[in-house]
């Protein structure tokens, strides 16, 4: 994989919207640490497009990153869920709404242009 290509163990699509923040969809990705490792997470810069490739969703990001996400691994592990809940609380403190989208959606049908 290239430096800007990611294949998370678990993933969610989050939507962020606020008075001064355009509606943006982002990939929230998490990985299991395994033996002697630690769990990790990452959120992309924002989705520009999504395509389906067999059992995978391929998300392109504003920064040029690519996330290859298996359709059956939608969600977050315990550590990732805690991080996401902190993000949601911080967004609310700054007057923005942030939430995880439900599973099973056809991500290719979304309009990923940022809108106010």
C-alpha atoms as a PDB file:
ATOM      1  CA  UNK A   1       0.000   0.000   0.000  1.00  0.00           C
ATOM      2  CA  UNK A   2       1.134   3.557  -0.668  1.00  0.00           C
ATOM      3  CA  UNK A   3       1.664   6.034   2.175  1.00  0.00           C
ATOM      4  CA  UNK A   4      -1.708   7.650   1.636  1.00  0.00           C
ATOM      5  CA  UNK A   5      -3.711   4.405   1.275  1.00  0.00           C
ATOM      6  CA  UNK A   6      -5.355   2.867   4.329  1.00  0.00           C
ATOM      7  CA  UNK A   7      -7.242  -0.363   5.055  1.00  0.00           C
ATOM      8  CA  UNK A   8      -8.798  -0.030   8.521  1.00  0.00           C
ATOM      9  CA  UNK A   9      -9.936  -2.930  10.701  1.00  0.00           C
ATOM     10  CA  UNK A  10     -13.113  -0.981  11.570  1.00  0.00           C
ATOM     11  CA  UNK A  11     -14.571   2.172  10.027  1.00  0.00           C
ATOM     12  CA  UNK A  12     -17.477   4.587  10.260  1.00  0.00           C
ATOM     13  CA  UNK A  13     -18.661   7.506   8.191  1.00  0.00           C
ATOM     14  CA  UNK A  14     -19.269  10.582  10.310  1.00  0.00           C
ATOM     15  CA  UNK A  15     -21.072  13.745   9.319  1.00  0.00           C
ATOM     16  CA  UNK A  16     -20.073  17.104  10.744  1.00  0.00           C
ATOM     17  CA  UNK A  17     -22.157  20.249  10.408  1.00  0.00           C
ATOM     18  CA  UNK A  18     -22.243  23.560  12.206  1.00  0.00           C
ATOM     19  CA  UNK A  19     -23.134  27.213  11.791  1.00  0.00           C
ATOM     20  CA  UNK A  20     -19.643  28.087  10.538  1.00  0.00           C
ATOM     21  CA  UNK A  21     -18.719  24.556   9.425  1.00  0.00           C
ATOM     22  CA  UNK A  22     -19.903  23.219   6.074  1.00  0.00           C
ATOM     23  CA  UNK A  23     -21.499  19.769   6.057  1.00  0.00           C
ATOM     24  CA  UNK A  24     -18.648  17.322   5.653  1.00  0.00           C
ATOM     25  CA  UNK A  25     -18.514  13.514   5.588  1.00  0.00           C
ATOM     26  CA  UNK A  26     -15.355  11.866   6.931  1.00  0.00           C
ATOM     27  CA  UNK A  27     -14.011   8.349   7.335  1.00  0.00           C
ATOM     28  CA  UNK A  28     -13.305   7.525  10.986  1.00  0.00           C
ATOM     29  CA  UNK A  29     -10.970   4.531  10.814  1.00  0.00           C
ATOM     30  CA  UNK A  30      -9.615   2.328  13.590  1.00  0.00           C
ATOM     31  CA  UNK A  31      -7.107  -0.479  13.845  1.00  0.00           C
ATOM     32  CA  UNK A  32      -6.517  -3.167  16.466  1.00  0.00           C
ATOM     33  CA  UNK A  33      -3.072  -3.068  18.027  1.00  0.00           C
ATOM     34  CA  UNK A  34      -2.606  -6.807  18.333  1.00  0.00           C
ATOM     35  CA  UNK A  35      -0.173  -8.426  20.705  1.00  0.00           C
ATOM     36  CA  UNK A  36       2.075  -5.830  22.378  1.00  0.00           C
ATOM     37  CA  UNK A  37       0.636  -3.081  20.190  1.00  0.00           C
ATOM     38  CA  UNK A  38      -1.916  -0.422  20.863  1.00  0.00           C
ATOM     39  CA  UNK A  39      -5.189   0.340  19.152  1.00  0.00           C
ATOM     40  CA  UNK A  40      -5.155   3.362  16.883  1.00  0.00           C
ATOM     41  CA  UNK A  41      -7.553   5.583  14.982  1.00  0.00           C
ATOM     42  CA  UNK A  42      -7.515   8.194  12.254  1.00  0.00           C
ATOM     43  CA  UNK A  43     -10.043  10.508  10.636  1.00  0.00           C
ATOM     44  CA  UNK A  44      -9.596  11.583   7.056  1.00  0.00           C
ATOM     45  CA  UNK A  45      -9.710  15.152   5.756  1.00  0.00           C
ATOM     46  CA  UNK A  46     -13.167  14.667   4.242  1.00  0.00           C
ATOM     47  CA  UNK A  47     -14.624  12.457   1.546  1.00  0.00           C
ATOM     48  CA  UNK A  48     -14.693  13.613  -2.069  1.00  0.00           C
ATOM     49  CA  UNK A  49     -16.075  10.399  -3.597  1.00  0.00           C
ATOM     50  CA  UNK A  50     -16.956   6.786  -2.875  1.00  0.00           C
ATOM     51  CA  UNK A  51     -16.981   3.775  -5.177  1.00  0.00           C
ATOM     52  CA  UNK A  52     -17.725   0.124  -4.616  1.00  0.00           C
ATOM     53  CA  UNK A  53     -15.139  -2.534  -5.459  1.00  0.00           C
ATOM     54  CA  UNK A  54     -16.571  -5.977  -4.707  1.00  0.00           C
ATOM     55  CA  UNK A  55     -16.935  -6.224  -0.912  1.00  0.00           C
ATOM     56  CA  UNK A  56     -15.058  -2.949  -0.359  1.00  0.00           C
ATOM     57  CA  UNK A  57     -15.905   0.732  -0.340  1.00  0.00           C
ATOM     58  CA  UNK A  58     -13.155   2.970  -1.666  1.00  0.00           C
ATOM     59  CA  UNK A  59     -13.265   6.506  -0.248  1.00  0.00           C
ATOM     60  CA  UNK A  60     -11.182   9.317  -1.726  1.00  0.00           C
ATOM     61  CA  UNK A  61     -10.249  12.181   0.599  1.00  0.00           C
ATOM     62  CA  UNK A  62      -9.637  15.911   0.155  1.00  0.00           C
ATOM     63  CA  UNK A  63      -5.931  15.385   0.897  1.00  0.00           C
ATOM     64  CA  UNK A  64      -5.587  12.643  -1.737  1.00  0.00           C
ATOM     65  CA  UNK A  65      -5.793   9.756   0.724  1.00  0.00           C
ATOM     66  CA  UNK A  66      -7.658   6.559  -0.105  1.00  0.00           C
ATOM     67  CA  UNK A  67      -9.480   4.358   2.413  1.00  0.00           C
ATOM     68  CA  UNK A  68     -10.335   0.778   1.388  1.00  0.00           C
ATOM     69  CA  UNK A  69     -13.070  -0.336   3.797  1.00  0.00           C
ATOM     70  CA  UNK A  70     -14.631  -3.806   3.876  1.00  0.00           C
ATOM     71  CA  UNK A  71     -18.410  -3.607   3.912  1.00  0.00           C
ATOM     72  CA  UNK A  72     -18.680  -6.063   6.841  1.00  0.00           C
ATOM     73  CA  UNK A  73     -16.404  -4.135   9.216  1.00  0.00           C
ATOM     74  CA  UNK A  74     -18.515  -0.998   9.649  1.00  0.00           C
ATOM     75  CA  UNK A  75     -18.300   0.224  13.235  1.00  0.00           C
ATOM     76  CA  UNK A  76     -15.633   1.040  15.798  1.00  0.00           C
ATOM     77  CA  UNK A  77     -13.771  -0.981  18.388  1.00  0.00           C
ATOM     78  CA  UNK A  78     -14.080   0.082  22.042  1.00  0.00           C
ATOM     79  CA  UNK A  79     -11.099   2.447  21.964  1.00  0.00           C
ATOM     80  CA  UNK A  80     -12.240   4.020  18.684  1.00  0.00           C
ATOM     81  CA  UNK A  81     -15.775   4.457  20.013  1.00  0.00           C
ATOM     82  CA  UNK A  82     -14.415   6.342  23.029  1.00  0.00           C
ATOM     83  CA  UNK A  83     -12.348   8.646  20.811  1.00  0.00           C
ATOM     84  CA  UNK A  84     -15.354   9.293  18.572  1.00  0.00           C
ATOM     85  CA  UNK A  85     -17.578  10.106  21.569  1.00  0.00           C
ATOM     86  CA  UNK A  86     -14.960  12.655  22.704  1.00  0.00           C
ATOM     87  CA  UNK A  87     -14.991  14.228  19.224  1.00  0.00           C
ATOM     88  CA  UNK A  88     -18.790  14.423  19.262  1.00  0.00           C
ATOM     89  CA  UNK A  89     -18.747  16.129  22.693  1.00  0.00           C
ATOM     90  CA  UNK A  90     -16.049  18.612  21.606  1.00  0.00           C
ATOM     91  CA  UNK A  91     -17.951  19.416  18.407  1.00  0.00           C
ATOM     92  CA  UNK A  92     -21.061  20.193  20.470  1.00  0.00           C
ATOM     93  CA  UNK A  93     -19.016  22.501  22.727  1.00  0.00           C
ATOM     94  CA  UNK A  94     -18.084  24.472  19.598  1.00  0.00           C
ATOM     95  CA  UNK A  95     -21.634  24.651  18.239  1.00  0.00           C
ATOM     96  CA  UNK A  96     -21.328  21.847  15.697  1.00  0.00           C
ATOM     97  CA  UNK A  97     -23.140  18.563  15.300  1.00  0.00           C
ATOM     98  CA  UNK A  98     -21.234  15.377  14.596  1.00  0.00           C
ATOM     99  CA  UNK A  99     -22.677  11.895  14.342  1.00  0.00           C
ATOM    100  CA  UNK A 100     -21.955   8.472  12.908  1.00  0.00           C
ATOM    101  CA  UNK A 101     -24.040   7.534   9.891  1.00  0.00           C
ATOM    102  CA  UNK A 102     -25.991   4.257  10.000  1.00  0.00           C
ATOM    103  CA  UNK A 103     -24.531   1.138   8.406  1.00  0.00           C
ATOM    104  CA  UNK A 104     -25.656  -0.410   5.154  1.00  0.00           C
ATOM    105  CA  UNK A 105     -25.956   2.792   3.114  1.00  0.00           C
ATOM    106  CA  UNK A 106     -24.961   3.090  -0.528  1.00  0.00           C
ATOM    107  CA  UNK A 107     -22.083   5.527  -0.058  1.00  0.00           C
ATOM    108  CA  UNK A 108     -21.730   6.053  -3.819  1.00  0.00           C
ATOM    109  CA  UNK A 109     -25.078   7.886  -3.879  1.00  0.00           C
ATOM    110  CA  UNK A 110     -23.990  10.656  -1.489  1.00  0.00           C
ATOM    111  CA  UNK A 111     -23.100  14.163  -2.660  1.00  0.00           C
ATOM    112  CA  UNK A 112     -19.834  14.861  -0.872  1.00  0.00           C
ATOM    113  CA  UNK A 113     -19.584  18.546  -1.823  1.00  0.00           C
ATOM    114  CA  UNK A 114     -19.297  20.655   1.309  1.00  0.00           C
ATOM    115  CA  UNK A 115     -22.449  22.694   1.853  1.00  0.00           C
ATOM    116  CA  UNK A 116     -23.510  25.214   4.485  1.00  0.00           C
END
